[in-house]
């Protein structure tokens, strides 16, 4: 199974990264093909709304997003991990998602949605925020849901943690790393009737 994970936090070794590491550990240990992208380290230009992808489904901007397009296209499972900034996904996450307008055109204008492989396509959304109010989760998930739907991931699980702000504070949460590991494991576990030998 091919798993692609996006770390959308600008902070190295922060709460988002620690949570994501916990989620992907059982995936790697199970021998799945895992690729983790740190979006803040990539050269990604924001969408220019130029309509260049309208008739082709391909973005005309040439940068590191090309590698992400290939990864998203071939993935069986997609994990998006982001801090919540101002009640929303991080700018790093939003740049990548906005550039998926190319996939939107391919799916809805050209009627060529991404095809699921033998394992189907599922997603996991990991969110970490310092605020206590749930509106940050609601807004961030609305954007992430549109992303998952556009790249033909029909179902995803959201795992949010609020009131986690200081660097490393997620380590003090009583269940966060365990919950993330369980979510990662469940993401790649198929019901018995779906196993492919």
Protein backbone atom coordinates (compact mmCIF):
# COMPACT_ATOMS: atom_id res chain seq x y z
CA UNK A 1 0.00 0.00 0.00
CA UNK A 2 1.34 3.45 -0.91
CA UNK A 3 0.97 6.08 1.82
CA UNK A 4 1.75 9.77 1.36
CA UNK A 5 1.92 12.13 4.35
CA UNK A 6 2.13 15.91 4.32
CA UNK A 7 3.62 17.75 7.28
CA UNK A 8 2.20 21.25 6.91
CA UNK A 9 3.82 22.77 9.98
CA UNK A 10 6.58 25.36 9.64
CA UNK A 11 8.01 24.38 13.04
CA UNK A 12 10.60 21.57 13.02
CA UNK A 13 10.07 18.92 15.69
CA UNK A 14 6.89 20.64 16.83
CA UNK A 15 3.58 19.19 17.94
CA UNK A 16 2.33 18.53 14.41
CA UNK A 17 5.50 16.66 13.47
CA UNK A 18 5.48 14.60 16.68
CA UNK A 19 1.86 13.65 16.06
CA UNK A 20 2.54 12.74 12.45
CA UNK A 21 5.57 10.66 13.41
CA UNK A 22 3.41 8.68 15.81
CA UNK A 23 0.79 8.11 13.10
CA UNK A 24 3.21 6.90 10.42
CA UNK A 25 5.34 4.69 12.68
CA UNK A 26 3.00 1.66 12.52
CA UNK A 27 2.57 2.25 8.80
CA UNK A 28 6.32 2.05 8.22
CA UNK A 29 6.66 -0.91 10.58
CA UNK A 30 3.99 -2.78 8.61
CA UNK A 31 6.13 -2.42 5.49
CA UNK A 32 3.93 -0.07 3.51
CA UNK A 33 5.55 2.32 1.05
CA UNK A 34 5.66 5.60 2.96
CA UNK A 35 6.66 9.07 1.77
CA UNK A 36 6.57 12.09 4.08
CA UNK A 37 6.76 15.60 2.62
CA UNK A 38 7.67 18.61 4.77
CA UNK A 39 5.82 21.29 2.86
CA UNK A 40 7.74 24.16 4.45
CA UNK A 41 10.96 22.86 2.89
CA UNK A 42 9.56 22.72 -0.63
CA UNK A 43 9.49 25.38 -3.32
CA UNK A 44 5.75 25.89 -3.79
CA UNK A 45 4.24 28.92 -5.46
CA UNK A 46 0.66 29.85 -4.54
CA UNK A 47 -2.05 29.24 -7.14
CA UNK A 48 -2.21 32.17 -9.56
CA UNK A 49 -5.81 31.52 -10.65
CA UNK A 50 -4.55 31.75 -14.22
CA UNK A 51 -6.94 29.12 -15.67
CA UNK A 52 -3.92 27.35 -17.13
CA UNK A 53 -5.23 23.99 -15.92
CA UNK A 54 -8.81 24.42 -17.12
CA UNK A 55 -8.46 22.52 -20.38
CA UNK A 56 -5.64 20.12 -19.48
CA UNK A 57 -5.94 19.37 -15.76
CA UNK A 58 -2.26 20.18 -15.47
CA UNK A 59 -0.75 23.16 -13.65
CA UNK A 60 1.53 25.33 -15.78
CA UNK A 61 3.67 26.42 -12.82
CA UNK A 62 6.90 24.45 -12.70
CA UNK A 63 8.04 23.90 -9.10
CA UNK A 64 8.13 21.20 -6.41
CA UNK A 65 4.37 20.75 -6.67
CA UNK A 66 5.09 18.46 -9.64
CA UNK A 67 6.43 15.86 -7.21
CA UNK A 68 3.38 16.26 -4.99
CA UNK A 69 1.02 15.81 -7.95
CA UNK A 70 2.66 12.47 -8.75
CA UNK A 71 2.54 11.38 -5.10
CA UNK A 72 -1.13 12.29 -4.68
CA UNK A 73 -2.07 10.61 -7.95
CA UNK A 74 -0.51 7.28 -7.00
CA UNK A 75 -1.38 7.21 -3.28
CA UNK A 76 -3.70 4.71 -1.66
CA UNK A 77 -3.73 6.64 1.62
CA UNK A 78 -3.14 10.35 2.23
CA UNK A 79 -2.34 11.93 5.59
CA UNK A 80 -2.47 15.68 6.10
CA UNK A 81 -1.05 17.02 9.36
CA UNK A 82 -1.40 20.73 10.11
CA UNK A 83 -1.37 23.17 12.98
CA UNK A 84 -4.42 25.38 13.27
CA UNK A 85 -3.51 29.01 12.62
CA UNK A 86 -6.24 31.68 12.90
CA UNK A 87 -8.95 28.99 12.84
CA UNK A 88 -7.59 27.48 9.60
CA UNK A 89 -5.03 25.16 8.07
CA UNK A 90 -1.49 26.50 7.86
CA UNK A 91 -0.39 28.55 4.86
CA UNK A 92 1.85 25.66 3.83
CA UNK A 93 -1.14 23.32 3.68
CA UNK A 94 -3.28 25.89 1.91
CA UNK A 95 -0.71 26.51 -0.83
CA UNK A 96 -0.63 22.80 -1.65
CA UNK A 97 -4.41 22.49 -1.52
CA UNK A 98 -4.99 25.54 -3.72
CA UNK A 99 -2.59 24.12 -6.30
CA UNK A 100 -4.81 21.03 -6.42
CA UNK A 101 -7.14 23.13 -8.55
CA UNK A 102 -5.49 21.17 -11.37
CA UNK A 103 -7.03 17.98 -9.96
CA UNK A 104 -10.36 19.79 -9.56
CA UNK A 105 -10.34 20.68 -13.27
CA UNK A 106 -9.33 17.15 -14.19
CA UNK A 107 -12.18 15.70 -12.11
CA UNK A 108 -15.04 18.10 -12.63
CA UNK A 109 -14.35 19.84 -15.96
CA UNK A 110 -12.61 17.06 -17.86
CA UNK A 111 -14.50 14.22 -16.12
CA UNK A 112 -11.28 12.33 -15.37
CA UNK A 113 -11.29 11.74 -11.59
CA UNK A 114 -8.33 9.99 -10.00
CA UNK A 115 -8.93 6.28 -10.04
CA UNK A 116 -8.62 4.23 -6.85
CA UNK A 117 -6.24 1.29 -6.82
CA UNK A 118 -7.09 -2.12 -5.40
CA UNK A 119 -6.97 -0.71 -1.84
CA UNK A 120 -9.24 2.26 -2.52
CA UNK A 121 -8.33 5.76 -1.33
CA UNK A 122 -8.68 6.92 2.28
CA UNK A 123 -7.39 9.86 4.28
CA UNK A 124 -6.37 10.97 7.76
CA UNK A 125 -6.38 14.56 8.99
CA UNK A 126 -4.28 15.44 12.03
CA UNK A 127 -4.87 18.85 13.59
CA UNK A 128 -3.15 20.58 16.51
CA UNK A 129 -4.18 23.97 17.88
CA UNK A 130 -3.56 26.14 20.90
CA UNK A 131 -7.12 27.42 21.14
CA UNK A 132 -9.86 25.68 23.10
CA UNK A 133 -12.78 26.47 20.80
CA UNK A 134 -13.82 23.88 18.23
CA UNK A 135 -14.36 26.42 15.43
CA UNK A 136 -10.73 26.04 14.40
CA UNK A 137 -11.25 22.34 13.82
CA UNK A 138 -14.49 22.95 11.93
CA UNK A 139 -12.94 25.51 9.57
CA UNK A 140 -9.75 23.53 8.99
CA UNK A 141 -11.67 20.34 8.34
CA UNK A 142 -14.00 22.03 5.85
CA UNK A 143 -10.98 22.98 3.73
CA UNK A 144 -9.36 19.56 4.16
CA UNK A 145 -12.60 17.82 3.20
CA UNK A 146 -12.71 19.78 -0.04
CA UNK A 147 -9.10 18.76 -0.70
CA UNK A 148 -9.76 15.08 -0.04
CA UNK A 149 -12.90 15.12 -2.21
CA UNK A 150 -11.02 16.79 -5.07
CA UNK A 151 -8.26 14.16 -5.05
CA UNK A 152 -10.87 11.38 -4.93
CA UNK A 153 -10.44 10.39 -1.29
CA UNK A 154 -14.09 9.71 -0.40
CA UNK A 155 -13.58 9.10 3.30
CA UNK A 156 -11.20 10.37 5.95
CA UNK A 157 -10.84 10.41 9.71
CA UNK A 158 -10.10 13.65 11.57
CA UNK A 159 -8.03 13.55 14.76
CA UNK A 160 -7.89 17.00 16.41
CA UNK A 161 -6.07 18.12 19.54
CA UNK A 162 -6.85 21.53 21.03
CA UNK A 163 -5.24 23.42 23.88
CA UNK A 164 -1.80 22.29 22.66
CA UNK A 165 0.40 25.29 21.96
CA UNK A 166 3.96 25.28 23.34
CA UNK A 167 6.52 23.31 21.36
CA UNK A 168 6.45 19.70 22.52
CA UNK A 169 3.26 20.12 24.56
CA UNK A 170 1.66 17.25 22.64
CA UNK A 171 3.98 14.92 24.58
CA UNK A 172 2.14 15.88 27.77
CA UNK A 173 -1.25 14.96 26.32
CA UNK A 174 -2.40 11.69 27.94
CA UNK A 175 -3.56 9.95 24.76
CA UNK A 176 -2.45 11.96 21.70
CA UNK A 177 0.49 9.86 20.49
CA UNK A 178 -1.35 6.62 21.19
CA UNK A 179 -4.43 7.90 19.37
CA UNK A 180 -2.35 9.00 16.39
CA UNK A 181 -0.61 5.63 16.18
CA UNK A 182 -3.96 3.84 16.31
CA UNK A 183 -5.35 6.11 13.60
CA UNK A 184 -2.33 5.44 11.38
CA UNK A 185 -2.63 1.71 11.92
CA UNK A 186 -6.36 1.74 11.20
CA UNK A 187 -5.82 3.79 8.04
CA UNK A 188 -3.94 0.92 6.42
CA UNK A 189 -5.86 -1.99 7.92
CA UNK A 190 -8.28 -3.62 5.54
CA UNK A 191 -11.36 -5.58 6.63
CA UNK A 192 -10.73 -9.29 6.22
CA UNK A 193 -12.92 -9.57 3.14
CA UNK A 194 -10.91 -6.80 1.44
CA UNK A 195 -7.46 -8.33 1.83
CA UNK A 196 -5.64 -8.73 -1.45
CA UNK A 197 -3.12 -11.54 -1.61
